[in-house]
Amino acid sequence: MTEETRKVAFICSKGDLDMAYPALVMGWAALGNGIDVTIFFTFWGMDMIRKSRQDHLEIAPLANTAMKMSMMGVKGADNAGIPNILGMLPGMTAFATKLMKDKMKTLGVPPIGEYLQMMVDGGAKLYACKMSVDMMDLKKEDFVDGVIDIVTASDFMDMTAGAQIIFI
């Protein structure tokens, strides 16, 4: 009896900094466990693989009621959420983004580009969504090295048959 390789496929649809990490963290763990990893980037999730956007992902505090100041490194905040009204002030998105990037760096978590390169080096397969690419007038040259191809949703389904699919 042959043992079939486990497979997991992530669909990344969001381009916010906090939404970029879940697939990377879980995908890296999967690779470490010998699981085949495929990631499909669609809509704003393509910002994770776009050369012009990858280093500029942000986290907006506006309407992010779960954001905790102490989690982001602000001392004495006692897990207080950022009051929603403050999220609309100029500079709050940059402030929240810096806090998160600083906290990730302190924890030794690589930036998005480095993390993706680690994933590719570890065998993960990266694909961009054709419909989203067409909608945004992009081409393969707009993406970082490691993106294998631009494929349709149907192609992605065929490629990942039998995989556990996780939508982020």
N, C-alpha and C. Protein backbone atom coordinates (compact mmCIF):
# COMPACT_ATOMS: atom_id res chain seq x y z
N MET A 1 0.84 -1.17 0.00
CA MET A 1 0.00 0.00 0.00
C MET A 1 0.89 1.25 0.00
N THR A 2 0.71 2.12 -0.97
CA THR A 2 1.52 3.33 -1.04
C THR A 2 0.87 4.43 -0.23
N GLU A 3 1.71 5.22 0.39
CA GLU A 3 1.23 6.33 1.19
C GLU A 3 1.13 7.57 0.31
N GLU A 4 -0.05 8.18 0.27
CA GLU A 4 -0.26 9.36 -0.55
C GLU A 4 0.24 10.60 0.18
N THR A 5 0.89 11.52 -0.54
CA THR A 5 1.39 12.76 0.03
C THR A 5 0.22 13.64 0.44
N ARG A 6 0.29 14.16 1.66
CA ARG A 6 -0.72 15.11 2.13
C ARG A 6 -0.54 16.41 1.38
N LYS A 7 -1.65 17.10 1.11
CA LYS A 7 -1.61 18.37 0.38
C LYS A 7 -2.51 19.40 1.06
N VAL A 8 -2.03 20.62 1.06
CA VAL A 8 -2.83 21.74 1.55
C VAL A 8 -2.69 22.88 0.55
N ALA A 9 -3.79 23.57 0.33
CA ALA A 9 -3.80 24.71 -0.59
C ALA A 9 -4.43 25.90 0.12
N PHE A 10 -3.76 27.03 0.03
CA PHE A 10 -4.27 28.26 0.64
C PHE A 10 -4.73 29.20 -0.47
N ILE A 11 -5.86 29.85 -0.24
CA ILE A 11 -6.33 30.90 -1.13
C ILE A 11 -6.19 32.20 -0.36
N CYS A 12 -5.28 33.05 -0.80
CA CYS A 12 -5.03 34.35 -0.15
C CYS A 12 -5.77 35.43 -0.91
N SER A 13 -6.79 36.02 -0.26
CA SER A 13 -7.63 37.00 -0.93
C SER A 13 -7.51 38.40 -0.35
N LYS A 14 -6.73 38.55 0.71
CA LYS A 14 -6.65 39.85 1.37
C LYS A 14 -5.21 40.36 1.38
N GLY A 15 -5.04 41.65 1.20
CA GLY A 15 -3.72 42.24 1.12
C GLY A 15 -3.30 43.03 2.34
N ASP A 16 -4.02 42.87 3.45
CA ASP A 16 -3.63 43.54 4.68
C ASP A 16 -2.47 42.80 5.33
N LEU A 17 -1.63 43.52 6.03
CA LEU A 17 -0.45 42.93 6.66
C LEU A 17 -0.83 41.78 7.60
N ASP A 18 -1.88 41.97 8.40
CA ASP A 18 -2.26 40.92 9.34
C ASP A 18 -2.88 39.71 8.65
N MET A 19 -3.37 39.87 7.44
CA MET A 19 -3.97 38.75 6.70
C MET A 19 -2.95 38.04 5.82
N ALA A 20 -1.76 38.59 5.70
CA ALA A 20 -0.71 37.96 4.90
C ALA A 20 -0.06 36.81 5.65
N TYR A 21 0.06 36.93 6.95
CA TYR A 21 0.82 35.95 7.72
C TYR A 21 0.16 34.59 7.94
N PRO A 22 -1.16 34.49 8.10
CA PRO A 22 -1.73 33.16 8.39
C PRO A 22 -1.34 32.07 7.40
N ALA A 23 -1.43 32.32 6.11
CA ALA A 23 -1.07 31.30 5.12
C ALA A 23 0.43 31.00 5.17
N LEU A 24 1.23 32.02 5.44
CA LEU A 24 2.68 31.81 5.49
C LEU A 24 3.06 30.96 6.70
N VAL A 25 2.50 31.28 7.84
CA VAL A 25 2.81 30.53 9.06
C VAL A 25 2.34 29.08 8.93
N MET A 26 1.08 28.91 8.50
CA MET A 26 0.55 27.54 8.37
C MET A 26 1.24 26.79 7.24
N GLY A 27 1.53 27.49 6.15
CA GLY A 27 2.22 26.85 5.02
C GLY A 27 3.62 26.40 5.39
N TRP A 28 4.33 27.23 6.14
CA TRP A 28 5.68 26.88 6.57
C TRP A 28 5.64 25.66 7.49
N ALA A 29 4.66 25.64 8.40
CA ALA A 29 4.49 24.49 9.29
C ALA A 29 4.18 23.23 8.48
N ALA A 30 3.34 23.37 7.46
CA ALA A 30 2.98 22.23 6.61
C ALA A 30 4.22 21.70 5.88
N LEU A 31 5.01 22.60 5.31
CA LEU A 31 6.23 22.17 4.62
C LEU A 31 7.14 21.41 5.56
N GLY A 32 7.24 21.90 6.79
CA GLY A 32 8.08 21.24 7.79
C GLY A 32 7.59 19.86 8.17
N ASN A 33 6.32 19.60 7.90
CA ASN A 33 5.73 18.29 8.18
C ASN A 33 5.61 17.43 6.92
N GLY A 34 6.30 17.85 5.85
CA GLY A 34 6.29 17.07 4.63
C GLY A 34 5.01 17.16 3.82
N ILE A 35 4.23 18.19 4.06
CA ILE A 35 2.96 18.37 3.36
C ILE A 35 3.19 19.25 2.14
N ASP A 36 2.62 18.88 1.01
CA ASP A 36 2.70 19.64 -0.23
C ASP A 36 1.88 20.93 -0.06
N VAL A 37 2.49 22.09 -0.39
CA VAL A 37 1.82 23.38 -0.18
C VAL A 37 1.69 24.14 -1.51
N THR A 38 0.46 24.58 -1.78
CA THR A 38 0.17 25.43 -2.94
C THR A 38 -0.57 26.66 -2.43
N ILE A 39 -0.19 27.84 -2.94
CA ILE A 39 -0.87 29.07 -2.54
C ILE A 39 -1.36 29.79 -3.80
N PHE A 40 -2.64 30.14 -3.78
CA PHE A 40 -3.32 30.83 -4.88
C PHE A 40 -3.65 32.24 -4.38
N PHE A 41 -3.11 33.25 -5.04
CA PHE A 41 -3.31 34.64 -4.66
C PHE A 41 -4.36 35.26 -5.57
N THR A 42 -5.41 35.80 -4.98
CA THR A 42 -6.50 36.38 -5.75
C THR A 42 -6.89 37.74 -5.15
N PHE A 43 -7.53 38.56 -5.95
CA PHE A 43 -7.94 39.90 -5.53
C PHE A 43 -6.81 40.60 -4.80
N TRP A 44 -7.07 41.19 -3.63
CA TRP A 44 -6.04 42.00 -2.96
C TRP A 44 -4.94 41.14 -2.35
N GLY A 45 -5.17 39.85 -2.25
CA GLY A 45 -4.12 38.94 -1.77
C GLY A 45 -2.91 38.94 -2.69
N MET A 46 -3.13 39.35 -3.94
CA MET A 46 -2.01 39.43 -4.89
C MET A 46 -1.00 40.49 -4.48
N ASP A 47 -1.38 41.41 -3.60
CA ASP A 47 -0.41 42.40 -3.10
C ASP A 47 0.77 41.71 -2.42
N MET A 48 0.55 40.53 -1.88
CA MET A 48 1.63 39.78 -1.23
C MET A 48 2.72 39.38 -2.22
N ILE A 49 2.36 39.24 -3.50
CA ILE A 49 3.33 38.78 -4.49
C ILE A 49 3.64 39.83 -5.55
N ARG A 50 3.02 41.00 -5.45
CA ARG A 50 3.32 42.09 -6.39
C ARG A 50 4.59 42.82 -5.97
N LYS A 51 5.52 42.95 -6.89
CA LYS A 51 6.78 43.64 -6.60
C LYS A 51 6.53 45.03 -6.02
N SER A 52 5.57 45.76 -6.60
CA SER A 52 5.33 47.15 -6.20
C SER A 52 4.58 47.27 -4.87
N ARG A 53 3.98 46.20 -4.38
CA ARG A 53 3.16 46.28 -3.16
C ARG A 53 3.67 45.47 -1.99
N GLN A 54 4.47 44.44 -2.25
CA GLN A 54 4.85 43.48 -1.22
C GLN A 54 5.43 44.13 0.04
N ASP A 55 6.25 45.14 -0.11
CA ASP A 55 6.88 45.79 1.04
C ASP A 55 6.03 46.91 1.64
N HIS A 56 4.81 47.07 1.12
CA HIS A 56 3.97 48.18 1.55
C HIS A 56 2.62 47.74 2.11
N LEU A 57 2.52 46.48 2.54
CA LEU A 57 1.27 46.01 3.14
C LEU A 57 1.08 46.72 4.47
N GLU A 58 -0.18 47.03 4.79
CA GLU A 58 -0.49 47.80 6.00
C GLU A 58 -1.57 47.10 6.81
N ILE A 59 -1.73 47.57 8.02
CA ILE A 59 -2.84 47.13 8.86
C ILE A 59 -3.58 48.38 9.31
N ALA A 60 -4.84 48.47 8.96
CA ALA A 60 -5.64 49.65 9.30
C ALA A 60 -6.39 49.41 10.59
N PRO A 61 -6.25 50.31 11.57
CA PRO A 61 -6.97 50.13 12.82
C PRO A 61 -8.45 50.50 12.73
N LEU A 62 -8.85 51.24 11.71
CA LEU A 62 -10.24 51.65 11.57
C LEU A 62 -11.11 50.42 11.35
N ALA A 63 -12.10 50.26 12.19
CA ALA A 63 -13.05 49.14 12.16
C ALA A 63 -12.39 47.80 12.52
N ASN A 64 -11.19 47.85 13.07
CA ASN A 64 -10.51 46.63 13.51
C ASN A 64 -10.65 46.55 15.03
N THR A 65 -11.83 46.13 15.47
CA THR A 65 -12.14 46.14 16.90
C THR A 65 -11.34 45.13 17.70
N ALA A 66 -10.73 44.16 17.04
CA ALA A 66 -9.95 43.15 17.74
C ALA A 66 -8.51 43.58 18.02
N MET A 67 -8.07 44.68 17.42
CA MET A 67 -6.68 45.12 17.59
C MET A 67 -6.44 45.57 19.02
N LYS A 68 -5.42 44.99 19.63
CA LYS A 68 -5.07 45.32 21.00
C LYS A 68 -3.74 46.04 21.03
N MET A 69 -3.70 47.18 21.71
CA MET A 69 -2.48 47.99 21.78
C MET A 69 -1.35 47.23 22.45
N SER A 70 -1.62 46.52 23.56
CA SER A 70 -0.54 45.84 24.26
C SER A 70 0.03 44.71 23.41
N MET A 71 -0.81 44.05 22.61
CA MET A 71 -0.33 43.00 21.73
C MET A 71 0.65 43.58 20.71
N MET A 72 0.43 44.82 20.33
CA MET A 72 1.25 45.47 19.32
C MET A 72 2.48 46.13 19.94
N GLY A 73 2.69 45.98 21.24
CA GLY A 73 3.90 46.48 21.85
C GLY A 73 3.77 47.76 22.64
N VAL A 74 2.57 48.33 22.74
CA VAL A 74 2.38 49.55 23.51
C VAL A 74 2.22 49.15 24.97
N LYS A 75 3.16 49.56 25.82
CA LYS A 75 3.18 49.18 27.23
C LYS A 75 2.07 49.89 28.02
N GLY A 76 1.54 49.20 29.00
CA GLY A 76 0.53 49.79 29.88
C GLY A 76 -0.85 49.89 29.27
N ALA A 77 -1.07 49.27 28.13
CA ALA A 77 -2.37 49.38 27.49
C ALA A 77 -3.37 48.37 28.03
N ASP A 78 -2.88 47.38 28.79
CA ASP A 78 -3.75 46.38 29.42
C ASP A 78 -4.78 45.78 28.46
N ASN A 79 -4.31 45.40 27.30
CA ASN A 79 -5.16 44.77 26.28
C ASN A 79 -6.31 45.65 25.82
N ALA A 80 -6.18 46.96 26.01
CA ALA A 80 -7.23 47.86 25.55
C ALA A 80 -7.21 47.93 24.03
N GLY A 81 -8.36 47.85 23.42
CA GLY A 81 -8.44 48.00 21.97
C GLY A 81 -8.21 49.45 21.59
N ILE A 82 -7.77 49.68 20.38
CA ILE A 82 -7.65 51.05 19.90
C ILE A 82 -9.07 51.57 19.71
N PRO A 83 -9.42 52.67 20.37
CA PRO A 83 -10.77 53.20 20.16
C PRO A 83 -10.99 53.42 18.66
N ASN A 84 -12.08 52.90 18.15
CA ASN A 84 -12.34 52.95 16.72
C ASN A 84 -12.24 54.34 16.14
N ILE A 85 -12.68 55.33 16.84
CA ILE A 85 -12.68 56.70 16.33
C ILE A 85 -11.25 57.18 16.03
N LEU A 86 -10.26 56.67 16.78
CA LEU A 86 -8.88 57.08 16.55
C LEU A 86 -8.33 56.54 15.22
N GLY A 87 -8.92 55.47 14.74
CA GLY A 87 -8.45 54.88 13.49
C GLY A 87 -8.58 55.81 12.30
N MET A 88 -9.45 56.81 12.40
CA MET A 88 -9.64 57.72 11.27
C MET A 88 -8.64 58.89 11.26
N LEU A 89 -7.88 59.00 12.32
CA LEU A 89 -6.90 60.10 12.38
C LEU A 89 -5.76 59.86 11.40
N PRO A 90 -5.27 60.92 10.78
CA PRO A 90 -4.14 60.76 9.86
C PRO A 90 -2.95 60.12 10.57
N GLY A 91 -2.36 59.16 9.92
CA GLY A 91 -1.17 58.52 10.44
C GLY A 91 -1.43 57.26 11.26
N MET A 92 -2.69 56.97 11.59
CA MET A 92 -2.98 55.80 12.44
C MET A 92 -2.68 54.48 11.72
N THR A 93 -2.91 54.41 10.41
CA THR A 93 -2.60 53.18 9.68
C THR A 93 -1.09 52.97 9.67
N ALA A 94 -0.33 54.03 9.43
CA ALA A 94 1.13 53.93 9.45
C ALA A 94 1.62 53.54 10.85
N PHE A 95 1.00 54.12 11.88
CA PHE A 95 1.36 53.81 13.27
C PHE A 95 1.10 52.34 13.58
N ALA A 96 -0.09 51.86 13.26
CA ALA A 96 -0.44 50.46 13.53
C ALA A 96 0.45 49.51 12.73
N THR A 97 0.75 49.88 11.50
CA THR A 97 1.61 49.04 10.65
C THR A 97 3.00 48.96 11.25
N LYS A 98 3.55 50.09 11.68
CA LYS A 98 4.88 50.07 12.29
C LYS A 98 4.90 49.23 13.56
N LEU A 99 3.87 49.38 14.39
CA LEU A 99 3.79 48.57 15.61
C LEU A 99 3.82 47.08 15.28
N MET A 100 3.03 46.68 14.29
CA MET A 100 2.97 45.26 13.96
C MET A 100 4.29 44.78 13.38
N LYS A 101 4.88 45.54 12.47
CA LYS A 101 6.16 45.14 11.89
C LYS A 101 7.25 45.06 12.96
N ASP A 102 7.27 46.01 13.87
CA ASP A 102 8.25 45.98 14.97
C ASP A 102 8.05 44.75 15.85
N LYS A 103 6.80 44.45 16.17
CA LYS A 103 6.50 43.29 17.02
C LYS A 103 6.92 42.00 16.30
N MET A 104 6.62 41.88 15.01
CA MET A 104 6.99 40.69 14.25
C MET A 104 8.51 40.54 14.21
N LYS A 105 9.22 41.66 14.03
CA LYS A 105 10.68 41.62 13.99
C LYS A 105 11.23 41.16 15.34
N THR A 106 10.66 41.68 16.42
CA THR A 106 11.08 41.29 17.77
C THR A 106 10.91 39.78 17.98
N LEU A 107 9.85 39.23 17.41
CA LEU A 107 9.57 37.80 17.54
C LEU A 107 10.38 36.95 16.56
N GLY A 108 11.14 37.60 15.68
CA GLY A 108 11.94 36.86 14.71
C GLY A 108 11.16 36.38 13.51
N VAL A 109 9.99 36.97 13.27
CA VAL A 109 9.16 36.59 12.13
C VAL A 109 9.66 37.36 10.90
N PRO A 110 9.99 36.67 9.82
CA PRO A 110 10.51 37.35 8.64
C PRO A 110 9.46 38.25 7.97
N PRO A 111 9.92 39.28 7.28
CA PRO A 111 9.00 40.09 6.49
C PRO A 111 8.38 39.23 5.38
N ILE A 112 7.29 39.70 4.81
CA ILE A 112 6.52 38.94 3.82
C ILE A 112 7.39 38.40 2.69
N GLY A 113 8.19 39.24 2.07
CA GLY A 113 9.02 38.81 0.93
C GLY A 113 9.98 37.70 1.30
N GLU A 114 10.63 37.85 2.44
CA GLU A 114 11.58 36.83 2.90
C GLU A 114 10.85 35.52 3.23
N TYR A 115 9.69 35.65 3.86
CA TYR A 115 8.89 34.47 4.21
C TYR A 115 8.47 33.71 2.95
N LEU A 116 8.00 34.45 1.96
CA LEU A 116 7.59 33.81 0.70
C LEU A 116 8.77 33.12 0.03
N GLN A 117 9.94 33.74 0.06
CA GLN A 117 11.12 33.12 -0.55
C GLN A 117 11.49 31.84 0.19
N MET A 118 11.39 31.87 1.53
CA MET A 118 11.63 30.65 2.32
C MET A 118 10.66 29.55 1.89
N MET A 119 9.41 29.93 1.68
CA MET A 119 8.39 28.97 1.28
C MET A 119 8.72 28.36 -0.08
N VAL A 120 9.08 29.22 -1.03
CA VAL A 120 9.44 28.75 -2.37
C VAL A 120 10.65 27.82 -2.29
N ASP A 121 11.67 28.24 -1.54
CA ASP A 121 12.86 27.42 -1.36
C ASP A 121 12.53 26.08 -0.71
N GLY A 122 11.48 26.06 0.11
CA GLY A 122 11.05 24.84 0.78
C GLY A 122 10.13 23.97 -0.07
N GLY A 123 9.76 24.47 -1.25
CA GLY A 123 8.96 23.65 -2.16
C GLY A 123 7.52 24.11 -2.37
N ALA A 124 7.11 25.21 -1.74
CA ALA A 124 5.75 25.70 -1.94
C ALA A 124 5.58 26.20 -3.37
N LYS A 125 4.38 26.03 -3.89
CA LYS A 125 4.06 26.47 -5.25
C LYS A 125 3.13 27.67 -5.17
N LEU A 126 3.51 28.78 -5.83
CA LEU A 126 2.73 30.02 -5.79
C LEU A 126 2.12 30.31 -7.15
N TYR A 127 0.83 30.68 -7.14
CA TYR A 127 0.11 30.99 -8.38
C TYR A 127 -0.72 32.25 -8.19
N ALA A 128 -0.85 33.03 -9.26
CA ALA A 128 -1.71 34.21 -9.27
C ALA A 128 -2.99 33.87 -10.02
N CYS A 129 -4.09 34.47 -9.61
CA CYS A 129 -5.42 34.25 -10.20
C CYS A 129 -5.56 35.03 -11.51
N LYS A 130 -5.88 34.33 -12.57
CA LYS A 130 -6.00 34.96 -13.89
C LYS A 130 -7.07 36.04 -13.92
N MET A 131 -8.24 35.77 -13.36
CA MET A 131 -9.30 36.77 -13.39
C MET A 131 -8.87 38.05 -12.68
N SER A 132 -8.25 37.91 -11.51
CA SER A 132 -7.79 39.08 -10.77
C SER A 132 -6.67 39.80 -11.51
N VAL A 133 -5.77 39.05 -12.11
CA VAL A 133 -4.68 39.64 -12.90
C VAL A 133 -5.27 40.46 -14.05
N ASP A 134 -6.25 39.89 -14.74
CA ASP A 134 -6.90 40.59 -15.85
C ASP A 134 -7.64 41.84 -15.38
N MET A 135 -8.34 41.72 -14.25
CA MET A 135 -9.08 42.87 -13.70
C MET A 135 -8.16 44.03 -13.36
N MET A 136 -6.97 43.71 -12.90
CA MET A 136 -6.04 44.74 -12.43
C MET A 136 -4.98 45.10 -13.47
N ASP A 137 -5.15 44.59 -14.69
CA ASP A 137 -4.21 44.87 -15.79
C ASP A 137 -2.77 44.55 -15.40
N LEU A 138 -2.56 43.40 -14.81
CA LEU A 138 -1.22 42.97 -14.41
C LEU A 138 -0.69 41.91 -15.37
N LYS A 139 0.59 41.62 -15.23
CA LYS A 139 1.22 40.55 -16.02
C LYS A 139 2.24 39.85 -15.13
N LYS A 140 2.74 38.72 -15.57
CA LYS A 140 3.63 37.91 -14.75
C LYS A 140 4.84 38.70 -14.26
N GLU A 141 5.32 39.64 -15.05
CA GLU A 141 6.49 40.44 -14.68
C GLU A 141 6.23 41.33 -13.47
N ASP A 142 4.95 41.54 -13.13
CA ASP A 142 4.61 42.36 -11.97
C ASP A 142 4.79 41.62 -10.64
N PHE A 143 5.00 40.30 -10.75
CA PHE A 143 5.08 39.47 -9.55
C PHE A 143 6.52 39.12 -9.20
N VAL A 144 6.73 38.82 -7.93
CA VAL A 144 8.06 38.44 -7.44
C VAL A 144 8.47 37.09 -8.02
N ASP A 145 9.77 36.85 -8.02
CA ASP A 145 10.27 35.54 -8.43
C ASP A 145 9.67 34.49 -7.51
N GLY A 146 9.37 33.35 -8.06
CA GLY A 146 8.77 32.28 -7.27
C GLY A 146 7.33 32.03 -7.64
N VAL A 147 6.68 33.04 -8.24
CA VAL A 147 5.32 32.82 -8.73
C VAL A 147 5.45 31.99 -10.01
N ILE A 148 4.90 30.80 -9.97
CA ILE A 148 5.06 29.86 -11.08
C ILE A 148 4.31 30.29 -12.32
N ASP A 149 3.04 30.71 -12.12
CA ASP A 149 2.22 31.02 -13.28
C ASP A 149 0.98 31.78 -12.86
N ILE A 150 0.25 32.25 -13.85
CA ILE A 150 -1.06 32.86 -13.67
C ILE A 150 -2.05 31.81 -14.16
N VAL A 151 -2.97 31.39 -13.27
CA VAL A 151 -3.88 30.30 -13.61
C VAL A 151 -5.32 30.68 -13.28
N THR A 152 -6.25 29.98 -13.93
CA THR A 152 -7.67 30.19 -13.64
C THR A 152 -8.03 29.46 -12.35
N ALA A 153 -9.17 29.82 -11.79
CA ALA A 153 -9.66 29.14 -10.60
C ALA A 153 -9.88 27.66 -10.89
N SER A 154 -10.34 27.36 -12.09
CA SER A 154 -10.55 25.96 -12.48
C SER A 154 -9.23 25.20 -12.53
N ASP A 155 -8.19 25.83 -13.08
CA ASP A 155 -6.85 25.21 -13.10
C ASP A 155 -6.38 24.93 -11.67
N PHE A 156 -6.59 25.91 -10.79
CA PHE A 156 -6.18 25.76 -9.40
C PHE A 156 -6.89 24.57 -8.76
N MET A 157 -8.18 24.43 -9.02
CA MET A 157 -8.94 23.31 -8.47
C MET A 157 -8.39 21.98 -8.98
N ASP A 158 -8.06 21.93 -10.26
CA ASP A 158 -7.48 20.71 -10.83
C ASP A 158 -6.13 20.39 -10.19
N MET A 159 -5.30 21.42 -10.02
CA MET A 159 -3.96 21.24 -9.45
C MET A 159 -3.99 20.77 -8.00
N THR A 160 -5.03 21.16 -7.29
CA THR A 160 -5.07 20.88 -5.85
C THR A 160 -6.11 19.82 -5.49
N ALA A 161 -6.49 19.01 -6.46
CA ALA A 161 -7.47 17.94 -6.19
C ALA A 161 -6.99 17.09 -5.02
N GLY A 162 -7.85 16.88 -4.07
CA GLY A 162 -7.52 16.07 -2.91
C GLY A 162 -6.85 16.84 -1.78
N ALA A 163 -6.55 18.11 -1.99
CA ALA A 163 -5.89 18.92 -0.97
C ALA A 163 -6.91 19.48 0.00
N GLN A 164 -6.45 19.75 1.20
CA GLN A 164 -7.26 20.53 2.14
C GLN A 164 -7.14 21.97 1.68
N ILE A 165 -8.26 22.65 1.45
CA ILE A 165 -8.22 24.03 0.96
C ILE A 165 -8.63 24.97 2.10
N ILE A 166 -7.78 25.98 2.31
CA ILE A 166 -8.00 26.96 3.37
C ILE A 166 -8.10 28.34 2.73
N PHE A 167 -9.22 29.01 2.94
CA PHE A 167 -9.47 30.33 2.37
C PHE A 167 -9.17 31.39 3.42
N ILE A 168 -8.29 32.32 3.04
CA ILE A 168 -7.92 33.41 3.96
C ILE A 168 -8.22 34.74 3.29
